[in-house]
Amino acid sequence: MRVLIKGAGVAGLTLAHELTARGAVVEVAEIARHVGGGASWFAGGMLAPWCESESAPDTVLALGREAADWWHTVLPGHVICKGTLVVAPQRDTGELARFAARTSGCDWLDADDIAALEPDLAGRFRKALHFRDEAHLDPRRAITALYSTLQASGVRFHLGAGPDFPEAGFDHVVDCTGANAIGQAAELRGVRGEMLMLETPDVSLSRPVRLLHPRIPLYIVPRGDGRFMIGATMIESDDAGPVSARSLMELVNAAYTLHPTFGEARVIETGAGVRPAYPDNLPRLSVDGSTIRLNGLYRHGFLLAPSMAKDAATRIFSMQADNGQQSLVRPSSLDPSERNIIPLQIGAGR
């Protein structure tokens, strides 16, 4: 079976891996001249299903809890398994209780516990939540390593390919173009996320830290060598332009709240990516004419892509066996005008 995947972000690359591992011949066409050129490049890389379930549907936890194992198996050494720390300023300590009540899998820490876990935060917070089973990775390193792994497995990449890349000769075409499909995929919208990278040798963190902030749900993810990714805004817009002055100030101010030393850090990068999202903020696997679409990973790209890729690969092989008589979606995810729908069951193909 020959499959063409359009899009070399996290969705397209994880699907390429799953299909190749099952024996398919895969080619990937990407309009950018490098992989991960969309929202994947600006992601936090937090494999944090329990934290995300505080504001996301239960589906996110169900689909995301195996993500760390998937990434560790495919890219050994890239996943850091030290959990997630959630803190709040003293005036907002009540927010920690609200956060804990809306999720699971966390331990309450006092000031001494926080100091033992993250010495540079000693004396700064009285209470915290530790989600011990969560993990994180560096998205850019992971994307680059997965690209190299796929090349070594025989996957052909066509970088800088135009939107009219020829589809003839393929048994299936899968559109994983993310935000580039806005305006083509029904109901798909853009949610802008802004980030900045700070550098300071005077702060050390071992795990992602989430600060419950009244305006921005800030997270700080250590990247090593004194670098920290700070994110992220969620703005209902498909504008991928530069970071706004207001967002930059709010992100820096929130980082300063976590630790004043961030006020003296060097800003070495700012960036914005457009996250593709459907109205329910859940990913969809659907059929659009002769094209299969895998899209709508929203802010959960690295967390949900492995599970979605597994399910998609299973269904594509099923379609091949049934001569293309089936099509595939997550429940309630297709436009009523679309046909040949079967439910995408959580856990299929794992």
C-alpha atoms as a PDB file:
ATOM      1  CA  MET A   1       0.000   0.000   0.000  1.00  0.00           C
ATOM      2  CA  ARG A   2       1.291   3.444  -0.972  1.00  0.00           C
ATOM      3  CA  VAL A   3       0.200   6.438   1.091  1.00  0.00           C
ATOM      4  CA  LEU A   4       0.839  10.129   0.516  1.00  0.00           C
ATOM      5  CA  ILE A   5       0.792  12.308   3.629  1.00  0.00           C
ATOM      6  CA  LYS A   6       0.435  16.037   3.121  1.00  0.00           C
ATOM      7  CA  GLY A   7       2.016  17.943   5.965  1.00  0.00           C
ATOM      8  CA  ALA A   8       5.208  17.299   7.941  1.00  0.00           C
ATOM      9  CA  GLY A   9       4.140  18.591  11.335  1.00  0.00           C
ATOM     10  CA  VAL A  10       3.723  16.364  14.353  1.00  0.00           C
ATOM     11  CA  ALA A  11       0.502  14.819  13.008  1.00  0.00           C
ATOM     12  CA  GLY A  12       1.984  13.922   9.638  1.00  0.00           C
ATOM     13  CA  LEU A  13       5.256  12.581  11.010  1.00  0.00           C
ATOM     14  CA  THR A  14       3.686  10.401  13.692  1.00  0.00           C
ATOM     15  CA  LEU A  15       1.280   8.959  11.119  1.00  0.00           C
ATOM     16  CA  ALA A  16       4.182   8.313   8.737  1.00  0.00           C
ATOM     17  CA  HIS A  17       5.887   6.338  11.488  1.00  0.00           C
ATOM     18  CA  GLU A  18       2.807   4.244  12.272  1.00  0.00           C
ATOM     19  CA  LEU A  19       2.104   3.451   8.621  1.00  0.00           C
ATOM     20  CA  THR A  20       5.724   2.612   7.855  1.00  0.00           C
ATOM     21  CA  ALA A  21       5.964   0.364  10.904  1.00  0.00           C
ATOM     22  CA  ARG A  22       3.007  -1.625   9.543  1.00  0.00           C
ATOM     23  CA  GLY A  23       4.517  -2.052   6.098  1.00  0.00           C
ATOM     24  CA  ALA A  24       3.102   0.816   4.064  1.00  0.00           C
ATOM     25  CA  VAL A  25       5.195   2.723   1.532  1.00  0.00           C
ATOM     26  CA  VAL A  26       4.923   6.352   2.607  1.00  0.00           C
ATOM     27  CA  GLU A  27       5.799   9.680   1.019  1.00  0.00           C
ATOM     28  CA  VAL A  28       5.372  13.046   2.730  1.00  0.00           C
ATOM     29  CA  ALA A  29       4.796  16.332   0.903  1.00  0.00           C
ATOM     30  CA  GLU A  30       5.328  19.583   2.830  1.00  0.00           C
ATOM     31  CA  ILE A  31       4.920  23.099   1.472  1.00  0.00           C
ATOM     32  CA  ALA A  32       7.582  24.489   3.833  1.00  0.00           C
ATOM     33  CA  ARG A  33      11.243  23.788   3.172  1.00  0.00           C
ATOM     34  CA  HIS A  34      11.727  22.071   6.522  1.00  0.00           C
ATOM     35  CA  VAL A  35       9.690  19.760   8.713  1.00  0.00           C
ATOM     36  CA  GLY A  36       7.626  21.046  11.617  1.00  0.00           C
ATOM     37  CA  GLY A  37       7.210  24.446  10.028  1.00  0.00           C
ATOM     38  CA  GLY A  38       3.813  25.213  11.547  1.00  0.00           C
ATOM     39  CA  ALA A  39       2.499  25.216  15.105  1.00  0.00           C
ATOM     40  CA  SER A  40       4.634  22.157  15.938  1.00  0.00           C
ATOM     41  CA  TRP A  41       7.767  24.320  15.896  1.00  0.00           C
ATOM     42  CA  PHE A  42       6.399  26.604  18.632  1.00  0.00           C
ATOM     43  CA  ALA A  43       4.919  23.904  20.862  1.00  0.00           C
ATOM     44  CA  GLY A  44       5.708  23.467  24.535  1.00  0.00           C
ATOM     45  CA  GLY A  45       6.229  19.713  24.215  1.00  0.00           C
ATOM     46  CA  MET A  46       4.452  18.935  27.482  1.00  0.00           C
ATOM     47  CA  LEU A  47       3.129  15.390  27.699  1.00  0.00           C
ATOM     48  CA  ALA A  48       0.718  16.380  30.437  1.00  0.00           C
ATOM     49  CA  PRO A  49      -2.674  14.682  30.053  1.00  0.00           C
ATOM     50  CA  TRP A  50      -3.676  15.105  33.705  1.00  0.00           C
ATOM     51  CA  CYS A  51      -2.918  18.829  33.751  1.00  0.00           C
ATOM     52  CA  GLU A  52      -4.685  19.349  30.435  1.00  0.00           C
ATOM     53  CA  SER A  53      -7.778  17.527  31.691  1.00  0.00           C
ATOM     54  CA  GLU A  54      -8.334  20.416  34.116  1.00  0.00           C
ATOM     55  CA  SER A  55      -9.940  22.333  31.253  1.00  0.00           C
ATOM     56  CA  ALA A  56     -10.187  19.748  28.460  1.00  0.00           C
ATOM     57  CA  PRO A  57     -12.681  16.911  27.875  1.00  0.00           C
ATOM     58  CA  ASP A  58     -11.961  13.469  29.322  1.00  0.00           C
ATOM     59  CA  THR A  59     -11.036  12.337  25.808  1.00  0.00           C
ATOM     60  CA  VAL A  60      -7.762  14.243  26.087  1.00  0.00           C
ATOM     61  CA  LEU A  61      -6.735  12.247  29.150  1.00  0.00           C
ATOM     62  CA  ALA A  62      -7.858   8.973  27.580  1.00  0.00           C
ATOM     63  CA  LEU A  63      -5.926   9.594  24.356  1.00  0.00           C
ATOM     64  CA  GLY A  64      -2.919  11.316  25.887  1.00  0.00           C
ATOM     65  CA  ARG A  65      -1.858   9.129  28.778  1.00  0.00           C
ATOM     66  CA  GLU A  66       0.190   6.812  26.519  1.00  0.00           C
ATOM     67  CA  ALA A  67       1.982   9.625  24.691  1.00  0.00           C
ATOM     68  CA  ALA A  68       5.138   9.618  26.821  1.00  0.00           C
ATOM     69  CA  ASP A  69       5.606   5.871  26.285  1.00  0.00           C
ATOM     70  CA  TRP A  70       5.123   6.258  22.532  1.00  0.00           C
ATOM     71  CA  TRP A  71       7.703   9.016  22.228  1.00  0.00           C
ATOM     72  CA  HIS A  72      10.143   7.166  24.471  1.00  0.00           C
ATOM     73  CA  THR A  73       9.833   4.012  22.364  1.00  0.00           C
ATOM     74  CA  VAL A  74      10.196   5.808  19.037  1.00  0.00           C
ATOM     75  CA  LEU A  75      12.834   8.323  20.154  1.00  0.00           C
ATOM     76  CA  PRO A  76      14.722   6.890  23.150  1.00  0.00           C
ATOM     77  CA  GLY A  77      16.358   9.549  25.294  1.00  0.00           C
ATOM     78  CA  HIS A  78      14.108  12.423  24.210  1.00  0.00           C
ATOM     79  CA  VAL A  79      11.467  12.147  26.927  1.00  0.00           C
ATOM     80  CA  ILE A  80      12.142  13.625  30.374  1.00  0.00           C
ATOM     81  CA  CYS A  81       9.929  11.993  32.990  1.00  0.00           C
ATOM     82  CA  LYS A  82       9.974  14.330  35.986  1.00  0.00           C
ATOM     83  CA  GLY A  83       6.341  15.346  36.142  1.00  0.00           C
ATOM     84  CA  THR A  84       4.752  18.785  36.116  1.00  0.00           C
ATOM     85  CA  LEU A  85       4.712  21.325  38.954  1.00  0.00           C
ATOM     86  CA  VAL A  86       1.689  23.639  39.297  1.00  0.00           C
ATOM     87  CA  VAL A  87       2.051  26.707  41.510  1.00  0.00           C
ATOM     88  CA  ALA A  88       0.148  29.905  42.259  1.00  0.00           C
ATOM     89  CA  PRO A  89       0.996  33.214  43.942  1.00  0.00           C
ATOM     90  CA  GLN A  90      -0.095  33.416  47.575  1.00  0.00           C
ATOM     91  CA  ARG A  91      -3.106  35.571  46.692  1.00  0.00           C
ATOM     92  CA  ASP A  92      -4.291  32.893  44.249  1.00  0.00           C
ATOM     93  CA  THR A  93      -3.650  29.789  46.371  1.00  0.00           C
ATOM     94  CA  GLY A  94      -7.340  28.935  46.173  1.00  0.00           C
ATOM     95  CA  GLU A  95      -6.873  28.368  42.465  1.00  0.00           C
ATOM     96  CA  LEU A  96      -4.716  25.348  43.275  1.00  0.00           C
ATOM     97  CA  ALA A  97      -7.615  23.661  45.042  1.00  0.00           C
ATOM     98  CA  ARG A  98      -9.911  24.437  42.135  1.00  0.00           C
ATOM     99  CA  PHE A  99      -7.323  23.044  39.690  1.00  0.00           C
ATOM    100  CA  ALA A 100      -6.873  19.857  41.744  1.00  0.00           C
ATOM    101  CA  ALA A 101     -10.637  19.328  41.983  1.00  0.00           C
ATOM    102  CA  ARG A 102     -10.978  19.370  38.192  1.00  0.00           C
ATOM    103  CA  THR A 103      -8.290  16.784  37.472  1.00  0.00           C
ATOM    104  CA  SER A 104      -6.489  13.813  39.043  1.00  0.00           C
ATOM    105  CA  GLY A 105      -3.062  12.224  39.406  1.00  0.00           C
ATOM    106  CA  CYS A 106      -1.468  14.926  41.556  1.00  0.00           C
ATOM    107  CA  ASP A 107       0.160  15.190  44.986  1.00  0.00           C
ATOM    108  CA  TRP A 108      -0.083  18.241  47.240  1.00  0.00           C
ATOM    109  CA  LEU A 109       3.284  19.738  48.167  1.00  0.00           C
ATOM    110  CA  ASP A 110       4.172  22.172  50.941  1.00  0.00           C
ATOM    111  CA  ALA A 111       6.997  24.706  50.901  1.00  0.00           C
ATOM    112  CA  ASP A 112       9.628  22.158  51.963  1.00  0.00           C
ATOM    113  CA  ASP A 113       8.487  19.699  49.282  1.00  0.00           C
ATOM    114  CA  ILE A 114       8.683  22.416  46.624  1.00  0.00           C
ATOM    115  CA  ALA A 115      12.201  23.342  47.717  1.00  0.00           C
ATOM    116  CA  ALA A 116      13.279  19.702  47.540  1.00  0.00           C
ATOM    117  CA  LEU A 117      11.812  19.287  44.063  1.00  0.00           C
ATOM    118  CA  GLU A 118      12.881  22.652  42.600  1.00  0.00           C
ATOM    119  CA  PRO A 119      15.517  24.324  44.818  1.00  0.00           C
ATOM    120  CA  ASP A 120      15.407  27.591  42.872  1.00  0.00           C
ATOM    121  CA  LEU A 121      11.751  28.018  43.824  1.00  0.00           C
ATOM    122  CA  ALA A 122      12.482  27.622  47.560  1.00  0.00           C
ATOM    123  CA  GLY A 123      10.562  30.114  49.681  1.00  0.00           C
ATOM    124  CA  ARG A 124       8.521  31.406  46.765  1.00  0.00           C
ATOM    125  CA  PHE A 125       5.352  29.313  47.104  1.00  0.00           C
ATOM    126  CA  ARG A 126       3.597  27.756  50.080  1.00  0.00           C
ATOM    127  CA  LYS A 127       1.630  25.116  48.206  1.00  0.00           C
ATOM    128  CA  ALA A 128       1.909  23.335  44.866  1.00  0.00           C
ATOM    129  CA  LEU A 129       0.601  20.364  42.919  1.00  0.00           C
ATOM    130  CA  HIS A 130       2.953  17.757  41.500  1.00  0.00           C
ATOM    131  CA  PHE A 131       1.682  15.625  38.601  1.00  0.00           C
ATOM    132  CA  ARG A 132       4.302  12.927  39.003  1.00  0.00           C
ATOM    133  CA  ASP A 133       3.444  10.796  35.950  1.00  0.00           C
ATOM    134  CA  GLU A 134       3.729  13.547  33.357  1.00  0.00           C
ATOM    135  CA  ALA A 135       6.688  14.231  31.091  1.00  0.00           C
ATOM    136  CA  HIS A 136       8.030  16.617  28.480  1.00  0.00           C
ATOM    137  CA  LEU A 137      10.309  16.767  25.459  1.00  0.00           C
ATOM    138  CA  ASP A 138      11.890  19.364  23.203  1.00  0.00           C
ATOM    139  CA  PRO A 139       9.549  19.544  20.175  1.00  0.00           C
ATOM    140  CA  ARG A 140      12.183  20.773  17.746  1.00  0.00           C
ATOM    141  CA  ARG A 141      14.665  18.073  18.655  1.00  0.00           C
ATOM    142  CA  ALA A 142      11.900  15.462  18.533  1.00  0.00           C
ATOM    143  CA  ILE A 143      10.612  16.592  15.130  1.00  0.00           C
ATOM    144  CA  THR A 144      14.130  16.630  13.687  1.00  0.00           C
ATOM    145  CA  ALA A 145      14.970  13.214  15.122  1.00  0.00           C
ATOM    146  CA  LEU A 146      11.702  11.676  13.889  1.00  0.00           C
ATOM    147  CA  TYR A 147      12.363  13.097  10.426  1.00  0.00           C
ATOM    148  CA  SER A 148      15.795  11.440  10.370  1.00  0.00           C
ATOM    149  CA  THR A 149      14.344   8.155  11.633  1.00  0.00           C
ATOM    150  CA  LEU A 150      11.692   8.161   8.937  1.00  0.00           C
ATOM    151  CA  GLN A 151      14.225   8.908   6.221  1.00  0.00           C
ATOM    152  CA  ALA A 152      16.309   5.971   7.408  1.00  0.00           C
ATOM    153  CA  SER A 153      13.164   3.808   7.216  1.00  0.00           C
ATOM    154  CA  GLY A 154      12.672   4.659   3.561  1.00  0.00           C
ATOM    155  CA  VAL A 155      10.077   7.434   3.786  1.00  0.00           C
ATOM    156  CA  ARG A 156      10.494   9.907   0.909  1.00  0.00           C
ATOM    157  CA  PHE A 157      10.065  13.589   1.737  1.00  0.00           C
ATOM    158  CA  HIS A 158       9.165  16.315  -0.731  1.00  0.00           C
ATOM    159  CA  LEU A 159       9.940  19.567   1.106  1.00  0.00           C
ATOM    160  CA  GLY A 160       8.912  22.814  -0.527  1.00  0.00           C
ATOM    161  CA  ALA A 161       6.219  20.964  -2.484  1.00  0.00           C
ATOM    162  CA  GLY A 162       3.363  23.017  -3.881  1.00  0.00           C
ATOM    163  CA  PRO A 163      -0.280  22.505  -2.891  1.00  0.00           C
ATOM    164  CA  ASP A 164      -0.884  20.690  -6.188  1.00  0.00           C
ATOM    165  CA  PHE A 165       1.648  17.937  -5.513  1.00  0.00           C
ATOM    166  CA  PRO A 166       0.535  14.989  -7.714  1.00  0.00           C
ATOM    167  CA  GLU A 167      -1.579  12.385  -5.927  1.00  0.00           C
ATOM    168  CA  ALA A 168      -1.747   9.850  -8.746  1.00  0.00           C
ATOM    169  CA  GLY A 169      -0.400   6.404  -7.933  1.00  0.00           C
ATOM    170  CA  PHE A 170      -1.211   6.467  -4.210  1.00  0.00           C
ATOM    171  CA  ASP A 171      -3.787   4.210  -2.604  1.00  0.00           C
ATOM    172  CA  HIS A 172      -4.594   6.811   0.030  1.00  0.00           C
ATOM    173  CA  VAL A 173      -3.917  10.517   0.552  1.00  0.00           C
ATOM    174  CA  VAL A 174      -3.972  11.872   4.105  1.00  0.00           C
ATOM    175  CA  ASP A 175      -4.200  15.609   4.712  1.00  0.00           C
ATOM    176  CA  CYS A 176      -2.287  16.553   7.882  1.00  0.00           C
ATOM    177  CA  THR A 177      -1.723  20.175   6.904  1.00  0.00           C
ATOM    178  CA  GLY A 178      -2.971  21.682  10.163  1.00  0.00           C
ATOM    179  CA  ALA A 179      -3.770  25.379   9.990  1.00  0.00           C
ATOM    180  CA  ASN A 180      -3.115  25.403   6.242  1.00  0.00           C
ATOM    181  CA  ALA A 181      -6.432  23.564   5.875  1.00  0.00           C
ATOM    182  CA  ILE A 182      -8.426  26.418   7.456  1.00  0.00           C
ATOM    183  CA  GLY A 183     -11.038  27.415   4.901  1.00  0.00           C
ATOM    184  CA  GLN A 184     -10.949  23.954   3.323  1.00  0.00           C
ATOM    185  CA  ALA A 185     -11.950  21.701   6.220  1.00  0.00           C
ATOM    186  CA  ALA A 186     -15.413  22.446   7.542  1.00  0.00           C
ATOM    187  CA  GLU A 187     -15.499  24.130  10.973  1.00  0.00           C
ATOM    188  CA  LEU A 188     -11.713  24.245  11.337  1.00  0.00           C
ATOM    189  CA  ARG A 189     -10.516  27.483  12.914  1.00  0.00           C
ATOM    190  CA  GLY A 190      -7.217  28.958  14.043  1.00  0.00           C
ATOM    191  CA  VAL A 191      -6.187  29.615  17.646  1.00  0.00           C
ATOM    192  CA  ARG A 192      -3.070  31.743  17.863  1.00  0.00           C
ATOM    193  CA  GLY A 193      -0.444  30.823  20.423  1.00  0.00           C
ATOM    194  CA  GLU A 194       2.517  33.062  21.249  1.00  0.00           C
ATOM    195  CA  MET A 195       5.733  32.108  22.993  1.00  0.00           C
ATOM    196  CA  LEU A 196       9.132  33.446  23.874  1.00  0.00           C
ATOM    197  CA  MET A 197      12.451  31.877  24.740  1.00  0.00           C
ATOM    198  CA  LEU A 198      14.401  33.274  27.668  1.00  0.00           C
ATOM    199  CA  GLU A 199      17.998  32.559  28.559  1.00  0.00           C
ATOM    200  CA  THR A 200      19.552  32.935  31.984  1.00  0.00           C
ATOM    201  CA  PRO A 201      22.233  30.943  33.798  1.00  0.00           C
ATOM    202  CA  ASP A 202      20.791  31.997  37.151  1.00  0.00           C
ATOM    203  CA  VAL A 203      17.647  29.854  37.215  1.00  0.00           C
ATOM    204  CA  SER A 204      17.475  26.089  37.065  1.00  0.00           C
ATOM    205  CA  LEU A 205      14.294  24.039  36.672  1.00  0.00           C
ATOM    206  CA  SER A 206      14.038  20.290  36.163  1.00  0.00           C
ATOM    207  CA  ARG A 207      10.460  20.058  34.901  1.00  0.00           C
ATOM    208  CA  PRO A 208       7.714  22.203  33.380  1.00  0.00           C
ATOM    209  CA  VAL A 209       6.154  24.637  35.835  1.00  0.00           C
ATOM    210  CA  ARG A 210       2.633  25.951  35.346  1.00  0.00           C
ATOM    211  CA  LEU A 211       1.727  29.214  37.033  1.00  0.00           C
ATOM    212  CA  LEU A 212      -1.965  29.779  37.665  1.00  0.00           C
ATOM    213  CA  HIS A 213      -2.166  33.328  36.409  1.00  0.00           C
ATOM    214  CA  PRO A 214      -5.368  35.433  36.311  1.00  0.00           C
ATOM    215  CA  ARG A 215      -4.999  36.304  32.604  1.00  0.00           C
ATOM    216  CA  ILE A 216      -2.641  33.776  31.012  1.00  0.00           C
ATOM    217  CA  PRO A 217      -2.247  30.104  31.986  1.00  0.00           C
ATOM    218  CA  LEU A 218       1.528  30.432  31.864  1.00  0.00           C
ATOM    219  CA  TYR A 219       3.894  27.513  31.567  1.00  0.00           C
ATOM    220  CA  ILE A 220       7.676  27.501  31.651  1.00  0.00           C
ATOM    221  CA  VAL A 221       9.449  24.542  30.087  1.00  0.00           C
ATOM    222  CA  PRO A 222      13.207  24.067  30.613  1.00  0.00           C
ATOM    223  CA  ARG A 223      15.101  23.414  27.391  1.00  0.00           C
ATOM    224  CA  GLY A 224      18.559  22.962  28.904  1.00  0.00           C
ATOM    225  CA  ASP A 225      21.634  25.207  28.775  1.00  0.00           C
ATOM    226  CA  GLY A 226      19.817  27.933  30.721  1.00  0.00           C
ATOM    227  CA  ARG A 227      17.033  28.282  28.159  1.00  0.00           C
ATOM    228  CA  PHE A 228      13.328  28.323  28.966  1.00  0.00           C
ATOM    229  CA  MET A 229      10.324  28.286  26.680  1.00  0.00           C
ATOM    230  CA  ILE A 230       7.576  30.561  28.015  1.00  0.00           C
ATOM    231  CA  GLY A 231       4.037  30.163  26.742  1.00  0.00           C
ATOM    232  CA  ALA A 232       1.406  30.533  25.773  1.00  0.00           C
ATOM    233  CA  THR A 233      -1.432  32.781  24.803  1.00  0.00           C
ATOM    234  CA  MET A 234      -4.653  31.444  23.304  1.00  0.00           C
ATOM    235  CA  ILE A 235      -6.148  33.982  20.936  1.00  0.00           C
ATOM    236  CA  GLU A 236      -9.046  33.226  18.598  1.00  0.00           C
ATOM    237  CA  SER A 237      -7.248  34.228  15.419  1.00  0.00           C
ATOM    238  CA  ASP A 238      -5.501  32.651  12.451  1.00  0.00           C
ATOM    239  CA  ASP A 239      -2.948  35.473  12.315  1.00  0.00           C
ATOM    240  CA  ALA A 240       0.549  33.980  12.383  1.00  0.00           C
ATOM    241  CA  GLY A 241       2.306  37.347  12.540  1.00  0.00           C
ATOM    242  CA  PRO A 242       4.856  38.487  15.131  1.00  0.00           C
ATOM    243  CA  VAL A 243       4.140  38.463  18.857  1.00  0.00           C
ATOM    244  CA  SER A 244       2.209  41.486  20.080  1.00  0.00           C
ATOM    245  CA  ALA A 245       3.743  43.908  22.578  1.00  0.00           C
ATOM    246  CA  ARG A 246       0.937  43.214  25.052  1.00  0.00           C
ATOM    247  CA  SER A 247       1.459  39.449  24.923  1.00  0.00           C
ATOM    248  CA  LEU A 248       5.209  39.850  25.289  1.00  0.00           C
ATOM    249  CA  MET A 249       4.791  42.022  28.380  1.00  0.00           C
ATOM    250  CA  GLU A 250       2.269  39.680  29.962  1.00  0.00           C
ATOM    251  CA  LEU A 251       4.417  36.596  29.370  1.00  0.00           C
ATOM    252  CA  VAL A 252       7.504  38.296  30.780  1.00  0.00           C
ATOM    253  CA  ASN A 253       5.564  39.659  33.774  1.00  0.00           C
ATOM    254  CA  ALA A 254       4.155  36.219  34.529  1.00  0.00           C
ATOM    255  CA  ALA A 255       7.631  34.661  34.286  1.00  0.00           C
ATOM    256  CA  TYR A 256       8.870  37.377  36.664  1.00  0.00           C
ATOM    257  CA  THR A 257       6.127  36.333  39.096  1.00  0.00           C
ATOM    258  CA  LEU A 258       7.489  32.797  39.059  1.00  0.00           C
ATOM    259  CA  HIS A 259      11.044  33.993  39.707  1.00  0.00           C
ATOM    260  CA  PRO A 260      12.311  37.626  39.651  1.00  0.00           C
ATOM    261  CA  THR A 261      15.539  36.563  37.965  1.00  0.00           C
ATOM    262  CA  PHE A 262      13.582  36.067  34.745  1.00  0.00           C
ATOM    263  CA  GLY A 263      13.317  39.853  34.643  1.00  0.00           C
ATOM    264  CA  GLU A 264      17.029  39.969  33.820  1.00  0.00           C
ATOM    265  CA  ALA A 265      16.954  37.082  31.342  1.00  0.00           C
ATOM    266  CA  ARG A 266      17.798  37.560  27.680  1.00  0.00           C
ATOM    267  CA  VAL A 267      14.916  37.266  25.216  1.00  0.00           C
ATOM    268  CA  ILE A 268      16.489  35.122  22.507  1.00  0.00           C
ATOM    269  CA  GLU A 269      13.376  34.289  20.488  1.00  0.00           C
ATOM    270  CA  THR A 270       9.709  35.143  20.129  1.00  0.00           C
ATOM    271  CA  GLY A 271       7.259  33.324  17.936  1.00  0.00           C
ATOM    272  CA  ALA A 272       3.626  32.654  17.130  1.00  0.00           C
ATOM    273  CA  GLY A 273       1.911  29.606  15.713  1.00  0.00           C
ATOM    274  CA  VAL A 274      -1.669  28.978  14.662  1.00  0.00           C
ATOM    275  CA  ARG A 275      -3.175  25.894  16.252  1.00  0.00           C
ATOM    276  CA  PRO A 276      -5.868  24.210  14.151  1.00  0.00           C
ATOM    277  CA  ALA A 277      -9.016  23.541  16.178  1.00  0.00           C
ATOM    278  CA  TYR A 278     -12.582  22.370  15.714  1.00  0.00           C
ATOM    279  CA  PRO A 279     -15.481  23.741  17.805  1.00  0.00           C
ATOM    280  CA  ASP A 280     -15.059  21.045  20.486  1.00  0.00           C
ATOM    281  CA  ASN A 281     -11.247  21.485  20.519  1.00  0.00           C
ATOM    282  CA  LEU A 282     -10.809  17.760  19.836  1.00  0.00           C
ATOM    283  CA  PRO A 283      -8.960  16.215  16.886  1.00  0.00           C
ATOM    284  CA  ARG A 284     -10.858  14.661  14.010  1.00  0.00           C
ATOM    285  CA  LEU A 285     -10.177  11.888  11.582  1.00  0.00           C
ATOM    286  CA  SER A 286     -12.545  12.272   8.641  1.00  0.00           C
ATOM    287  CA  VAL A 287     -13.095  11.792   4.929  1.00  0.00           C
ATOM    288  CA  ASP A 288     -13.331  14.747   2.568  1.00  0.00           C
ATOM    289  CA  GLY A 289     -14.063  13.348  -0.862  1.00  0.00           C
ATOM    290  CA  SER A 290     -11.101  11.153  -1.782  1.00  0.00           C
ATOM    291  CA  THR A 291      -8.889  12.621   0.940  1.00  0.00           C
ATOM    292  CA  ILE A 292      -8.582  11.498   4.547  1.00  0.00           C
ATOM    293  CA  ARG A 293      -8.095  14.359   6.992  1.00  0.00           C
ATOM    294  CA  LEU A 294      -6.310  14.216  10.330  1.00  0.00           C
ATOM    295  CA  ASN A 295      -6.518  17.630  11.921  1.00  0.00           C
ATOM    296  CA  GLY A 296      -7.651  19.760  14.847  1.00  0.00           C
ATOM    297  CA  LEU A 297      -5.026  18.807  17.438  1.00  0.00           C
ATOM    298  CA  TYR A 298      -5.437  22.288  18.957  1.00  0.00           C
ATOM    299  CA  ARG A 299      -2.951  22.789  21.835  1.00  0.00           C
ATOM    300  CA  HIS A 300      -2.402  19.043  22.279  1.00  0.00           C
ATOM    301  CA  GLY A 301      -0.260  18.192  19.257  1.00  0.00           C
ATOM    302  CA  PHE A 302       2.575  16.185  20.809  1.00  0.00           C
ATOM    303  CA  LEU A 303       0.222  14.774  23.435  1.00  0.00           C
ATOM    304  CA  LEU A 304      -2.496  13.442  21.110  1.00  0.00           C
ATOM    305  CA  ALA A 305      -0.675  12.847  17.815  1.00  0.00           C
ATOM    306  CA  PRO A 306       0.619   9.351  18.757  1.00  0.00           C
ATOM    307  CA  SER A 307      -2.825   8.015  19.658  1.00  0.00           C
ATOM    308  CA  MET A 308      -4.469   9.641  16.644  1.00  0.00           C
ATOM    309  CA  ALA A 309      -1.735   8.273  14.364  1.00  0.00           C
ATOM    310  CA  LYS A 310      -2.237   4.753  15.693  1.00  0.00           C
ATOM    311  CA  ASP A 311      -5.982   4.932  15.152  1.00  0.00           C
ATOM    312  CA  ALA A 312      -5.580   6.466  11.700  1.00  0.00           C
ATOM    313  CA  ALA A 313      -3.107   3.801  10.589  1.00  0.00           C
ATOM    314  CA  THR A 314      -5.405   1.036  11.798  1.00  0.00           C
ATOM    315  CA  ARG A 315      -8.369   2.494   9.945  1.00  0.00           C
ATOM    316  CA  ILE A 316      -6.404   3.130   6.747  1.00  0.00           C
ATOM    317  CA  PHE A 317      -5.310  -0.491   6.645  1.00  0.00           C
ATOM    318  CA  SER A 318      -8.911  -1.507   7.359  1.00  0.00           C
ATOM    319  CA  MET A 319     -10.115   0.653   4.491  1.00  0.00           C
ATOM    320  CA  GLN A 320      -7.531  -0.961   2.229  1.00  0.00           C
ATOM    321  CA  ALA A 321      -8.738  -4.424   3.198  1.00  0.00           C
ATOM    322  CA  ASP A 322     -12.341  -3.393   2.545  1.00  0.00           C
ATOM    323  CA  ASN A 323     -11.467  -1.743  -0.790  1.00  0.00           C
ATOM    324  CA  GLY A 324     -12.067   1.715   0.593  1.00  0.00           C
ATOM    325  CA  GLN A 325     -15.689   1.111   1.643  1.00  0.00           C
ATOM    326  CA  GLN A 326     -15.155   2.581   5.109  1.00  0.00           C
ATOM    327  CA  SER A 327     -14.266   6.077   6.197  1.00  0.00           C
ATOM    328  CA  LEU A 328     -13.310   7.358   9.582  1.00  0.00           C
ATOM    329  CA  VAL A 329     -14.033  10.063  12.098  1.00  0.00           C
ATOM    330  CA  ARG A 330     -14.151  10.786  15.774  1.00  0.00           C
ATOM    331  CA  PRO A 331     -17.792  10.672  16.920  1.00  0.00           C
ATOM    332  CA  SER A 332     -19.813  13.833  16.115  1.00  0.00           C
ATOM    333  CA  SER A 333     -16.904  15.286  14.175  1.00  0.00           C
ATOM    334  CA  LEU A 334     -18.083  15.346  10.571  1.00  0.00           C
ATOM    335  CA  ASP A 335     -20.156  17.847   8.707  1.00  0.00           C
ATOM    336  CA  PRO A 336     -23.645  16.341   8.155  1.00  0.00           C
ATOM    337  CA  SER A 337     -23.064  16.416   4.414  1.00  0.00           C
ATOM    338  CA  GLU A 338     -20.189  13.916   4.645  1.00  0.00           C
ATOM    339  CA  ARG A 339     -20.909  10.224   4.110  1.00  0.00           C
ATOM    340  CA  ASN A 340     -19.656   6.715   4.927  1.00  0.00           C
ATOM    341  CA  ILE A 341     -18.938   7.382   8.579  1.00  0.00           C
ATOM    342  CA  ILE A 342     -17.876   4.839  11.173  1.00  0.00           C
ATOM    343  CA  PRO A 343     -16.901   5.793  14.731  1.00  0.00           C
ATOM    344  CA  LEU A 344     -13.256   6.163  15.641  1.00  0.00           C
ATOM    345  CA  GLN A 345     -13.061   4.192  18.865  1.00  0.00           C
ATOM    346  CA  ILE A 346     -10.703   5.390  21.577  1.00  0.00           C
ATOM    347  CA  GLY A 347      -7.963   2.855  21.939  1.00  0.00           C
ATOM    348  CA  ALA A 348      -8.282   1.302  18.502  1.00  0.00           C
ATOM    349  CA  GLY A 349      -4.962   0.202  17.137  1.00  0.00           C
ATOM    350  CA  ARG A 350      -2.967   0.618  20.342  1.00  0.00           C
END
